[in-house]
Amino acid sequence: LRLSCRASGLTFSNYAMGWFRQAPGKEREFVAAIGWSEDSTYYADSV
């Protein structure tokens, strides 16, 4: 699957973006994040 997230109301290039997920009954957990460019990407070990 491919998820997308469109941002508005901010200067997008000035923001780091992250993806998190939350299963029923569990805490929201980190999945992935990206800095200004794809040279700076970070992932949870599980993904």
All heavy atoms as atom14 arrays in JSON, in Angstrom:
{
  "sequence": "LRLSCRASGLTFSNYAMGWFRQAPGKEREFVAAIGWSEDSTYYADSV",
  "atom14_mask": [
    [1, 1, 1, 1, 1, 1, 1, 1, 0, 0, 0, 0, 0, 0],
    [1, 1, 1, 1, 1, 1, 1, 1, 1, 1, 1, 0, 0, 0],
    [1, 1, 1, 1, 1, 1, 1, 1, 0, 0, 0, 0, 0, 0],
    [1, 1, 1, 1, 1, 1, 0, 0, 0, 0, 0, 0, 0, 0],
    [1, 1, 1, 1, 1, 1, 0, 0, 0, 0, 0, 0, 0, 0],
    [1, 1, 1, 1, 1, 1, 1, 1, 1, 1, 1, 0, 0, 0],
    [1, 1, 1, 1, 1, 0, 0, 0, 0, 0, 0, 0, 0, 0],
    [1, 1, 1, 1, 1, 1, 0, 0, 0, 0, 0, 0, 0, 0],
    [1, 1, 1, 1, 0, 0, 0, 0, 0, 0, 0, 0, 0, 0],
    [1, 1, 1, 1, 1, 1, 1, 1, 0, 0, 0, 0, 0, 0],
    [1, 1, 1, 1, 1, 1, 1, 0, 0, 0, 0, 0, 0, 0],
    [1, 1, 1, 1, 1, 1, 1, 1, 1, 1, 1, 0, 0, 0],
    [1, 1, 1, 1, 1, 1, 0, 0, 0, 0, 0, 0, 0, 0],
    [1, 1, 1, 1, 1, 1, 1, 1, 0, 0, 0, 0, 0, 0],
    [1, 1, 1, 1, 1, 1, 1, 1, 1, 1, 1, 1, 0, 0],
    [1, 1, 1, 1, 1, 0, 0, 0, 0, 0, 0, 0, 0, 0],
    [1, 1, 1, 1, 1, 1, 1, 1, 0, 0, 0, 0, 0, 0],
    [1, 1, 1, 1, 0, 0, 0, 0, 0, 0, 0, 0, 0, 0],
    [1, 1, 1, 1, 1, 1, 1, 1, 1, 1, 1, 1, 1, 1],
    [1, 1, 1, 1, 1, 1, 1, 1, 1, 1, 1, 0, 0, 0],
    [1, 1, 1, 1, 1, 1, 1, 1, 1, 1, 1, 0, 0, 0],
    [1, 1, 1, 1, 1, 1, 1, 1, 1, 0, 0, 0, 0, 0],
    [1, 1, 1, 1, 1, 0, 0, 0, 0, 0, 0, 0, 0, 0],
    [1, 1, 1, 1, 1, 1, 1, 0, 0, 0, 0, 0, 0, 0],
    [1, 1, 1, 1, 0, 0, 0, 0, 0, 0, 0, 0, 0, 0],
    [1, 1, 1, 1, 1, 1, 1, 1, 1, 0, 0, 0, 0, 0],
    [1, 1, 1, 1, 1, 1, 1, 1, 1, 0, 0, 0, 0, 0],
    [1, 1, 1, 1, 1, 1, 1, 1, 1, 1, 1, 0, 0, 0],
    [1, 1, 1, 1, 1, 1, 1, 1, 1, 0, 0, 0, 0, 0],
    [1, 1, 1, 1, 1, 1, 1, 1, 1, 1, 1, 0, 0, 0],
    [1, 1, 1, 1, 1, 1, 1, 0, 0, 0, 0, 0, 0, 0],
    [1, 1, 1, 1, 1, 0, 0, 0, 0, 0, 0, 0, 0, 0],
    [1, 1, 1, 1, 1, 0, 0, 0, 0, 0, 0, 0, 0, 0],
    [1, 1, 1, 1, 1, 1, 1, 1, 0, 0, 0, 0, 0, 0],
    [1, 1, 1, 1, 0, 0, 0, 0, 0, 0, 0, 0, 0, 0],
    [1, 1, 1, 1, 1, 1, 1, 1, 1, 1, 1, 1, 1, 1],
    [1, 1, 1, 1, 1, 1, 0, 0, 0, 0, 0, 0, 0, 0],
    [1, 1, 1, 1, 1, 1, 1, 1, 1, 0, 0, 0, 0, 0],
    [1, 1, 1, 1, 1, 1, 1, 1, 0, 0, 0, 0, 0, 0],
    [1, 1, 1, 1, 1, 1, 0, 0, 0, 0, 0, 0, 0, 0],
    [1, 1, 1, 1, 1, 1, 1, 0, 0, 0, 0, 0, 0, 0],
    [1, 1, 1, 1, 1, 1, 1, 1, 1, 1, 1, 1, 0, 0],
    [1, 1, 1, 1, 1, 1, 1, 1, 1, 1, 1, 1, 0, 0],
    [1, 1, 1, 1, 1, 0, 0, 0, 0, 0, 0, 0, 0, 0],
    [1, 1, 1, 1, 1, 1, 1, 1, 0, 0, 0, 0, 0, 0],
    [1, 1, 1, 1, 1, 1, 0, 0, 0, 0, 0, 0, 0, 0],
    [1, 1, 1, 1, 1, 1, 1, 0, 0, 0, 0, 0, 0, 0]
  ],
  "atom14_positions": [
    [[0.86, -1.18, 0.0], [0.0, 0.0, 0.0], [0.89, 1.23, 0.0], [2.01, 1.19, 0.51], [-0.9, 0.04, 1.24], [-2.16, -0.82, 1.27], [-2.84, -0.71, 2.63], [-3.14, -0.43, 0.16], [0.0, 0.0, 0.0], [0.0, 0.0, 0.0], [0.0, 0.0, 0.0], [0.0, 0.0, 0.0], [0.0, 0.0, 0.0], [0.0, 0.0, 0.0]],
    [[0.35, 2.32, -0.53], [1.08, 3.58, -0.53], [0.21, 4.63, 0.15], [-0.9, 4.91, -0.3], [1.42, 4.01, -1.95], [2.24, 5.29, -2.04], [2.59, 5.59, -3.49], [3.33, 6.81, -3.67], [4.65, 6.9, -3.58], [5.37, 5.83, -3.3], [5.25, 8.07, -3.78], [0.0, 0.0, 0.0], [0.0, 0.0, 0.0], [0.0, 0.0, 0.0]],
    [[0.73, 5.19, 1.21], [0.04, 6.27, 1.91], [0.63, 7.61, 1.49], [1.83, 7.71, 1.25], [0.2, 6.11, 3.42], [-0.24, 4.78, 4.04], [-0.09, 4.84, 5.56], [-1.67, 4.44, 3.66], [0.0, 0.0, 0.0], [0.0, 0.0, 0.0], [0.0, 0.0, 0.0], [0.0, 0.0, 0.0], [0.0, 0.0, 0.0], [0.0, 0.0, 0.0]],
    [[-0.23, 8.6, 1.42], [0.21, 9.95, 1.13], [-0.35, 10.9, 2.18], [-1.4, 10.63, 2.76], [-0.24, 10.39, -0.27], [0.32, 9.58, -1.27], [0.0, 0.0, 0.0], [0.0, 0.0, 0.0], [0.0, 0.0, 0.0], [0.0, 0.0, 0.0], [0.0, 0.0, 0.0], [0.0, 0.0, 0.0], [0.0, 0.0, 0.0], [0.0, 0.0, 0.0]],
    [[0.35, 11.99, 2.37], [-0.11, 13.02, 3.3], [0.17, 14.37, 2.65], [1.32, 14.67, 2.32], [0.62, 12.89, 4.63], [0.34, 14.25, 5.79], [0.0, 0.0, 0.0], [0.0, 0.0, 0.0], [0.0, 0.0, 0.0], [0.0, 0.0, 0.0], [0.0, 0.0, 0.0], [0.0, 0.0, 0.0], [0.0, 0.0, 0.0], [0.0, 0.0, 0.0]],
    [[-0.87, 15.14, 2.49], [-0.72, 16.46, 1.87], [-0.84, 17.51, 2.96], [-1.79, 17.5, 3.74], [-1.76, 16.68, 0.8], [-1.62, 18.01, 0.06], [-2.49, 18.04, -1.18], [-2.09, 17.02, -2.14], [-2.96, 16.25, -2.79], [-4.26, 16.38, -2.57], [-2.53, 15.37, -3.66], [0.0, 0.0, 0.0], [0.0, 0.0, 0.0], [0.0, 0.0, 0.0]],
    [[0.12, 18.43, 2.99], [0.15, 19.47, 4.0], [-0.26, 20.81, 3.4], [0.03, 21.09, 2.24], [1.55, 19.57, 4.6], [0.0, 0.0, 0.0], [0.0, 0.0, 0.0], [0.0, 0.0, 0.0], [0.0, 0.0, 0.0], [0.0, 0.0, 0.0], [0.0, 0.0, 0.0], [0.0, 0.0, 0.0], [0.0, 0.0, 0.0], [0.0, 0.0, 0.0]],
    [[-0.9, 21.61, 4.21], [-1.24, 22.97, 3.81], [-1.14, 23.87, 5.03], [-1.18, 23.41, 6.18], [-2.65, 23.03, 3.21], [-3.61, 22.6, 4.14], [0.0, 0.0, 0.0], [0.0, 0.0, 0.0], [0.0, 0.0, 0.0], [0.0, 0.0, 0.0], [0.0, 0.0, 0.0], [0.0, 0.0, 0.0], [0.0, 0.0, 0.0], [0.0, 0.0, 0.0]],
    [[-0.98, 25.16, 4.77], [-0.92, 26.13, 5.86], [0.45, 26.25, 6.51], [0.57, 26.87, 7.57], [0.0, 0.0, 0.0], [0.0, 0.0, 0.0], [0.0, 0.0, 0.0], [0.0, 0.0, 0.0], [0.0, 0.0, 0.0], [0.0, 0.0, 0.0], [0.0, 0.0, 0.0], [0.0, 0.0, 0.0], [0.0, 0.0, 0.0], [0.0, 0.0, 0.0]],
    [[1.46, 25.65, 5.9], [2.82, 25.75, 6.42], [3.8, 25.77, 5.26], [3.45, 25.41, 4.13], [3.13, 24.6, 7.39], [2.84, 23.15, 6.97], [3.8, 22.64, 5.93], [2.85, 22.25, 8.19], [0.0, 0.0, 0.0], [0.0, 0.0, 0.0], [0.0, 0.0, 0.0], [0.0, 0.0, 0.0], [0.0, 0.0, 0.0], [0.0, 0.0, 0.0]],
    [[5.03, 26.19, 5.54], [6.09, 26.13, 4.53], [6.69, 24.74, 4.62], [7.55, 24.45, 5.45], [7.15, 27.21, 4.8], [6.52, 28.5, 4.82], [8.21, 27.2, 3.7], [0.0, 0.0, 0.0], [0.0, 0.0, 0.0], [0.0, 0.0, 0.0], [0.0, 0.0, 0.0], [0.0, 0.0, 0.0], [0.0, 0.0, 0.0], [0.0, 0.0, 0.0]],
    [[6.19, 23.87, 3.77], [6.42, 22.43, 3.89], [7.91, 22.08, 3.96], [8.32, 21.24, 4.75], [5.76, 21.73, 2.71], [5.83, 20.24, 2.76], [5.07, 19.53, 3.68], [6.65, 19.54, 1.89], [5.12, 18.15, 3.72], [6.72, 18.16, 1.92], [5.95, 17.46, 2.84], [0.0, 0.0, 0.0], [0.0, 0.0, 0.0], [0.0, 0.0, 0.0]],
    [[8.72, 22.74, 3.15], [10.14, 22.4, 3.1], [10.88, 22.73, 4.4], [12.01, 22.28, 4.59], [10.82, 23.11, 1.92], [10.68, 24.51, 2.06], [0.0, 0.0, 0.0], [0.0, 0.0, 0.0], [0.0, 0.0, 0.0], [0.0, 0.0, 0.0], [0.0, 0.0, 0.0], [0.0, 0.0, 0.0], [0.0, 0.0, 0.0], [0.0, 0.0, 0.0]],
    [[10.25, 23.48, 5.29], [10.86, 23.81, 6.57], [10.51, 22.81, 7.67], [10.88, 23.03, 8.83], [10.42, 25.21, 7.03], [11.02, 26.31, 6.18], [11.96, 26.09, 5.41], [10.47, 27.51, 6.3], [0.0, 0.0, 0.0], [0.0, 0.0, 0.0], [0.0, 0.0, 0.0], [0.0, 0.0, 0.0], [0.0, 0.0, 0.0], [0.0, 0.0, 0.0]],
    [[9.79, 21.77, 7.31], [9.31, 20.81, 8.3], [9.85, 19.41, 8.06], [9.92, 18.94, 6.92], [7.77, 20.76, 8.28], [7.13, 21.92, 8.98], [7.11, 23.19, 8.4], [6.57, 21.78, 10.25], [6.54, 24.27, 9.06], [6.0, 22.85, 10.91], [6.0, 24.09, 10.31], [5.43, 25.15, 10.97], [0.0, 0.0, 0.0], [0.0, 0.0, 0.0]],
    [[10.2, 18.76, 9.16], [10.42, 17.32, 9.12], [9.04, 16.65, 9.22], [8.14, 17.17, 9.88], [11.3, 16.88, 10.28], [0.0, 0.0, 0.0], [0.0, 0.0, 0.0], [0.0, 0.0, 0.0], [0.0, 0.0, 0.0], [0.0, 0.0, 0.0], [0.0, 0.0, 0.0], [0.0, 0.0, 0.0], [0.0, 0.0, 0.0], [0.0, 0.0, 0.0]],
    [[8.93, 15.52, 8.55], [7.65, 14.81, 8.52], [7.82, 13.4, 9.06], [8.83, 12.74, 8.81], [7.13, 14.75, 7.09], [6.92, 16.11, 6.43], [5.69, 17.12, 7.29], [4.21, 16.13, 7.05], [0.0, 0.0, 0.0], [0.0, 0.0, 0.0], [0.0, 0.0, 0.0], [0.0, 0.0, 0.0], [0.0, 0.0, 0.0], [0.0, 0.0, 0.0]],
    [[6.83, 12.95, 9.77], [6.89, 11.61, 10.32], [5.6, 10.84, 10.06], [4.54, 11.43, 9.8], [0.0, 0.0, 0.0], [0.0, 0.0, 0.0], [0.0, 0.0, 0.0], [0.0, 0.0, 0.0], [0.0, 0.0, 0.0], [0.0, 0.0, 0.0], [0.0, 0.0, 0.0], [0.0, 0.0, 0.0], [0.0, 0.0, 0.0], [0.0, 0.0, 0.0]],
    [[5.71, 9.54, 10.1], [4.56, 8.64, 10.07], [4.56, 7.83, 11.36], [5.6, 7.3, 11.77], [4.62, 7.68, 8.88], [4.28, 8.3, 7.57], [5.13, 8.77, 6.62], [2.96, 8.51, 7.03], [4.45, 9.27, 5.55], [3.11, 9.11, 5.77], [1.67, 8.24, 7.49], [2.02, 9.45, 4.96], [0.59, 8.58, 6.7], [0.76, 9.18, 5.45]],
    [[3.41, 7.75, 11.97], [3.2, 6.96, 13.17], [1.99, 6.06, 12.94], [1.2, 6.3, 12.03], [2.94, 7.87, 14.39], [4.16, 8.61, 14.85], [4.64, 9.69, 14.13], [4.81, 8.25, 16.01], [5.77, 10.4, 14.55], [5.94, 8.94, 16.45], [6.42, 10.0, 15.72], [0.0, 0.0, 0.0], [0.0, 0.0, 0.0], [0.0, 0.0, 0.0]],
    [[1.84, 5.05, 13.77], [0.66, 4.19, 13.67], [0.18, 3.82, 15.06], [0.96, 3.78, 16.02], [0.94, 2.94, 12.84], [1.96, 1.97, 13.45], [2.29, 0.87, 12.46], [3.26, -0.06, 13.01], [3.85, -1.03, 12.3], [3.56, -1.18, 11.01], [4.72, -1.84, 12.88], [0.0, 0.0, 0.0], [0.0, 0.0, 0.0], [0.0, 0.0, 0.0]],
    [[-1.11, 3.54, 15.13], [-1.72, 3.18, 16.4], [-2.72, 2.06, 16.18], [-3.71, 2.26, 15.46], [-2.38, 4.38, 17.06], [-2.87, 4.11, 18.46], [-3.27, 5.4, 19.17], [-3.49, 6.44, 18.56], [-3.36, 5.32, 20.5], [0.0, 0.0, 0.0], [0.0, 0.0, 0.0], [0.0, 0.0, 0.0], [0.0, 0.0, 0.0], [0.0, 0.0, 0.0]],
    [[-2.45, 0.93, 16.77], [-3.37, -0.2, 16.73], [-4.31, -0.11, 17.92], [-3.98, 0.51, 18.94], [-2.59, -1.51, 16.77], [0.0, 0.0, 0.0], [0.0, 0.0, 0.0], [0.0, 0.0, 0.0], [0.0, 0.0, 0.0], [0.0, 0.0, 0.0], [0.0, 0.0, 0.0], [0.0, 0.0, 0.0], [0.0, 0.0, 0.0], [0.0, 0.0, 0.0]],
    [[-5.48, -0.73, 17.83], [-6.44, -0.68, 18.95], [-5.82, -1.16, 20.24], [-5.18, -2.21, 20.29], [-7.56, -1.6, 18.48], [-7.48, -1.57, 16.99], [-6.01, -1.46, 16.67], [0.0, 0.0, 0.0], [0.0, 0.0, 0.0], [0.0, 0.0, 0.0], [0.0, 0.0, 0.0], [0.0, 0.0, 0.0], [0.0, 0.0, 0.0], [0.0, 0.0, 0.0]],
    [[-5.98, -0.37, 21.29], [-5.48, -0.76, 22.59], [-3.99, -0.56, 22.79], [-3.45, -0.92, 23.84], [0.0, 0.0, 0.0], [0.0, 0.0, 0.0], [0.0, 0.0, 0.0], [0.0, 0.0, 0.0], [0.0, 0.0, 0.0], [0.0, 0.0, 0.0], [0.0, 0.0, 0.0], [0.0, 0.0, 0.0], [0.0, 0.0, 0.0], [0.0, 0.0, 0.0]],
    [[-3.33, 0.02, 21.79], [-1.88, 0.22, 21.9], [-1.54, 1.7, 21.76], [-2.34, 2.5, 21.29], [-1.16, -0.59, 20.82], [-1.29, -2.09, 20.99], [-0.38, -2.82, 20.04], [-0.44, -4.32, 20.27], [0.48, -5.06, 19.37], [0.0, 0.0, 0.0], [0.0, 0.0, 0.0], [0.0, 0.0, 0.0], [0.0, 0.0, 0.0], [0.0, 0.0, 0.0]],
    [[-0.33, 2.03, 22.17], [0.12, 3.41, 22.05], [0.52, 3.7, 20.61], [0.88, 2.81, 19.84], [1.29, 3.66, 22.98], [0.92, 3.62, 24.46], [2.0, 4.18, 25.34], [3.11, 4.43, 24.84], [1.73, 4.37, 26.54], [0.0, 0.0, 0.0], [0.0, 0.0, 0.0], [0.0, 0.0, 0.0], [0.0, 0.0, 0.0], [0.0, 0.0, 0.0]],
    [[0.49, 4.98, 20.27], [0.93, 5.4, 18.95], [2.44, 5.22, 18.86], [3.17, 5.68, 19.73], [0.53, 6.85, 18.71], [0.65, 7.31, 17.29], [0.01, 8.66, 17.08], [-1.43, 8.62, 17.35], [-2.25, 9.62, 17.1], [-1.79, 10.74, 16.56], [-3.53, 9.51, 17.37], [0.0, 0.0, 0.0], [0.0, 0.0, 0.0], [0.0, 0.0, 0.0]],
    [[2.89, 4.58, 17.79], [4.3, 4.27, 17.67], [4.9, 4.83, 16.39], [4.22, 4.97, 15.37], [4.53, 2.74, 17.71], [3.93, 1.99, 16.55], [4.3, 0.51, 16.57], [4.93, 0.04, 17.55], [3.97, -0.18, 15.58], [0.0, 0.0, 0.0], [0.0, 0.0, 0.0], [0.0, 0.0, 0.0], [0.0, 0.0, 0.0], [0.0, 0.0, 0.0]],
    [[6.18, 5.12, 16.48], [6.92, 5.65, 15.35], [7.05, 4.61, 14.24], [7.29, 3.42, 14.52], [8.31, 6.07, 15.83], [9.28, 6.43, 14.74], [9.15, 7.64, 14.07], [10.29, 5.57, 14.38], [10.03, 7.98, 13.06], [11.19, 5.89, 13.39], [11.05, 7.1, 12.72], [0.0, 0.0, 0.0], [0.0, 0.0, 0.0], [0.0, 0.0, 0.0]],
    [[6.91, 5.08, 13.0], [7.11, 4.22, 11.84], [8.29, 4.71, 11.01], [9.22, 3.96, 10.73], [5.83, 4.16, 10.98], [6.09, 3.36, 9.71], [4.67, 3.58, 11.75], [0.0, 0.0, 0.0], [0.0, 0.0, 0.0], [0.0, 0.0, 0.0], [0.0, 0.0, 0.0], [0.0, 0.0, 0.0], [0.0, 0.0, 0.0], [0.0, 0.0, 0.0]],
    [[8.24, 5.98, 10.59], [9.29, 6.52, 9.73], [9.27, 8.04, 9.8], [8.26, 8.63, 10.15], [9.09, 6.06, 8.29], [0.0, 0.0, 0.0], [0.0, 0.0, 0.0], [0.0, 0.0, 0.0], [0.0, 0.0, 0.0], [0.0, 0.0, 0.0], [0.0, 0.0, 0.0], [0.0, 0.0, 0.0], [0.0, 0.0, 0.0], [0.0, 0.0, 0.0]],
    [[10.4, 8.63, 9.48], [10.49, 10.09, 9.44], [11.47, 10.51, 8.36], [12.36, 9.73, 7.96], [10.92, 10.66, 10.79], [0.0, 0.0, 0.0], [0.0, 0.0, 0.0], [0.0, 0.0, 0.0], [0.0, 0.0, 0.0], [0.0, 0.0, 0.0], [0.0, 0.0, 0.0], [0.0, 0.0, 0.0], [0.0, 0.0, 0.0], [0.0, 0.0, 0.0]],
    [[11.31, 11.75, 7.9], [12.19, 12.28, 6.87], [12.5, 13.73, 7.18], [11.62, 14.49, 7.59], [11.54, 12.11, 5.47], [12.51, 12.52, 4.37], [10.22, 12.86, 5.37], [12.04, 12.08, 2.97], [0.0, 0.0, 0.0], [0.0, 0.0, 0.0], [0.0, 0.0, 0.0], [0.0, 0.0, 0.0], [0.0, 0.0, 0.0], [0.0, 0.0, 0.0]],
    [[13.77, 14.08, 6.98], [14.16, 15.47, 7.15], [13.86, 16.26, 5.89], [12.88, 15.98, 5.19], [0.0, 0.0, 0.0], [0.0, 0.0, 0.0], [0.0, 0.0, 0.0], [0.0, 0.0, 0.0], [0.0, 0.0, 0.0], [0.0, 0.0, 0.0], [0.0, 0.0, 0.0], [0.0, 0.0, 0.0], [0.0, 0.0, 0.0], [0.0, 0.0, 0.0]],
    [[14.73, 17.19, 5.57], [14.44, 18.05, 4.41], [14.44, 17.26, 3.11], [13.71, 17.55, 2.17], [15.47, 19.18, 4.34], [15.16, 20.16, 3.26], [14.32, 21.23, 3.35], [15.67, 20.16, 1.91], [14.28, 21.9, 2.15], [15.08, 21.27, 1.24], [16.53, 19.34, 1.2], [15.36, 21.57, -0.08], [16.81, 19.64, -0.12], [16.22, 20.75, -0.75]],
    [[15.31, 16.25, 3.06], [15.4, 15.49, 1.81], [15.51, 14.0, 2.13], [15.57, 13.59, 3.29], [16.63, 15.92, 1.02], [17.82, 15.41, 1.63], [0.0, 0.0, 0.0], [0.0, 0.0, 0.0], [0.0, 0.0, 0.0], [0.0, 0.0, 0.0], [0.0, 0.0, 0.0], [0.0, 0.0, 0.0], [0.0, 0.0, 0.0], [0.0, 0.0, 0.0]],
    [[15.52, 13.22, 1.08], [15.58, 11.77, 1.25], [16.96, 11.28, 1.64], [17.16, 10.07, 1.8], [15.07, 11.09, -0.02], [13.57, 11.31, -0.16], [13.03, 11.05, -1.55], [13.72, 10.44, -2.37], [11.89, 11.47, -1.81], [0.0, 0.0, 0.0], [0.0, 0.0, 0.0], [0.0, 0.0, 0.0], [0.0, 0.0, 0.0], [0.0, 0.0, 0.0]],
    [[17.89, 12.2, 1.84], [19.17, 11.81, 2.44], [19.05, 11.61, 3.95], [19.96, 11.09, 4.58], [20.23, 12.89, 2.17], [20.63, 12.95, 0.71], [20.48, 11.93, 0.02], [21.07, 14.01, 0.25], [0.0, 0.0, 0.0], [0.0, 0.0, 0.0], [0.0, 0.0, 0.0], [0.0, 0.0, 0.0], [0.0, 0.0, 0.0], [0.0, 0.0, 0.0]],
    [[17.93, 12.05, 4.5], [17.72, 11.97, 5.94], [16.42, 11.24, 6.21], [15.36, 11.85, 6.34], [17.67, 13.38, 6.55], [18.86, 14.09, 6.31], [0.0, 0.0, 0.0], [0.0, 0.0, 0.0], [0.0, 0.0, 0.0], [0.0, 0.0, 0.0], [0.0, 0.0, 0.0], [0.0, 0.0, 0.0], [0.0, 0.0, 0.0], [0.0, 0.0, 0.0]],
    [[16.47, 9.94, 6.22], [15.29, 9.13, 6.5], [15.59, 8.19, 7.66], [16.73, 7.76, 7.85], [14.86, 8.31, 5.28], [15.95, 7.49, 4.84], [14.45, 9.22, 4.13], [0.0, 0.0, 0.0], [0.0, 0.0, 0.0], [0.0, 0.0, 0.0], [0.0, 0.0, 0.0], [0.0, 0.0, 0.0], [0.0, 0.0, 0.0], [0.0, 0.0, 0.0]],
    [[14.55, 7.89, 8.42], [14.69, 7.11, 9.65], [13.5, 6.17, 9.74], [12.38, 6.53, 9.38], [14.74, 8.04, 10.86], [15.71, 9.18, 10.66], [15.3, 10.38, 10.11], [17.06, 9.02, 10.97], [16.21, 11.41, 9.87], [17.96, 10.05, 10.74], [17.53, 11.24, 10.18], [18.42, 12.25, 9.95], [0.0, 0.0, 0.0], [0.0, 0.0, 0.0]],
    [[13.75, 4.96, 10.22], [12.72, 3.94, 10.25], [12.74, 3.19, 11.58], [13.79, 2.99, 12.2], [12.94, 2.93, 9.13], [12.85, 3.53, 7.75], [13.97, 3.96, 7.07], [11.6, 3.66, 7.12], [13.89, 4.53, 5.82], [11.5, 4.23, 5.85], [12.65, 4.66, 5.21], [12.55, 5.23, 3.97], [0.0, 0.0, 0.0], [0.0, 0.0, 0.0]],
    [[11.55, 2.75, 11.97], [11.47, 1.8, 13.07], [12.06, 0.47, 12.6], [11.96, 0.11, 11.42], [10.01, 1.6, 13.49], [0.0, 0.0, 0.0], [0.0, 0.0, 0.0], [0.0, 0.0, 0.0], [0.0, 0.0, 0.0], [0.0, 0.0, 0.0], [0.0, 0.0, 0.0], [0.0, 0.0, 0.0], [0.0, 0.0, 0.0], [0.0, 0.0, 0.0]],
    [[12.66, -0.25, 13.51], [13.27, -1.53, 13.15], [12.24, -2.48, 12.54], [12.56, -3.28, 11.66], [13.9, -2.18, 14.38], [15.17, -1.47, 14.83], [15.73, -0.68, 14.03], [15.59, -1.69, 15.98], [0.0, 0.0, 0.0], [0.0, 0.0, 0.0], [0.0, 0.0, 0.0], [0.0, 0.0, 0.0], [0.0, 0.0, 0.0], [0.0, 0.0, 0.0]],
    [[11.0, -2.37, 12.98], [9.95, -3.29, 12.53], [9.58, -3.1, 11.07], [8.97, -4.0, 10.47], [8.71, -3.14, 13.4], [8.22, -1.81, 13.34], [0.0, 0.0, 0.0], [0.0, 0.0, 0.0], [0.0, 0.0, 0.0], [0.0, 0.0, 0.0], [0.0, 0.0, 0.0], [0.0, 0.0, 0.0], [0.0, 0.0, 0.0], [0.0, 0.0, 0.0]],
    [[9.92, -1.96, 10.48], [9.54, -1.7, 9.09], [10.74, -1.49, 8.18], [10.57, -1.38, 6.95], [8.59, -0.49, 8.98], [7.39, -0.65, 9.92], [9.32, 0.82, 9.26], [0.0, 0.0, 0.0], [0.0, 0.0, 0.0], [0.0, 0.0, 0.0], [0.0, 0.0, 0.0], [0.0, 0.0, 0.0], [0.0, 0.0, 0.0], [0.0, 0.0, 0.0]]
  ]
}
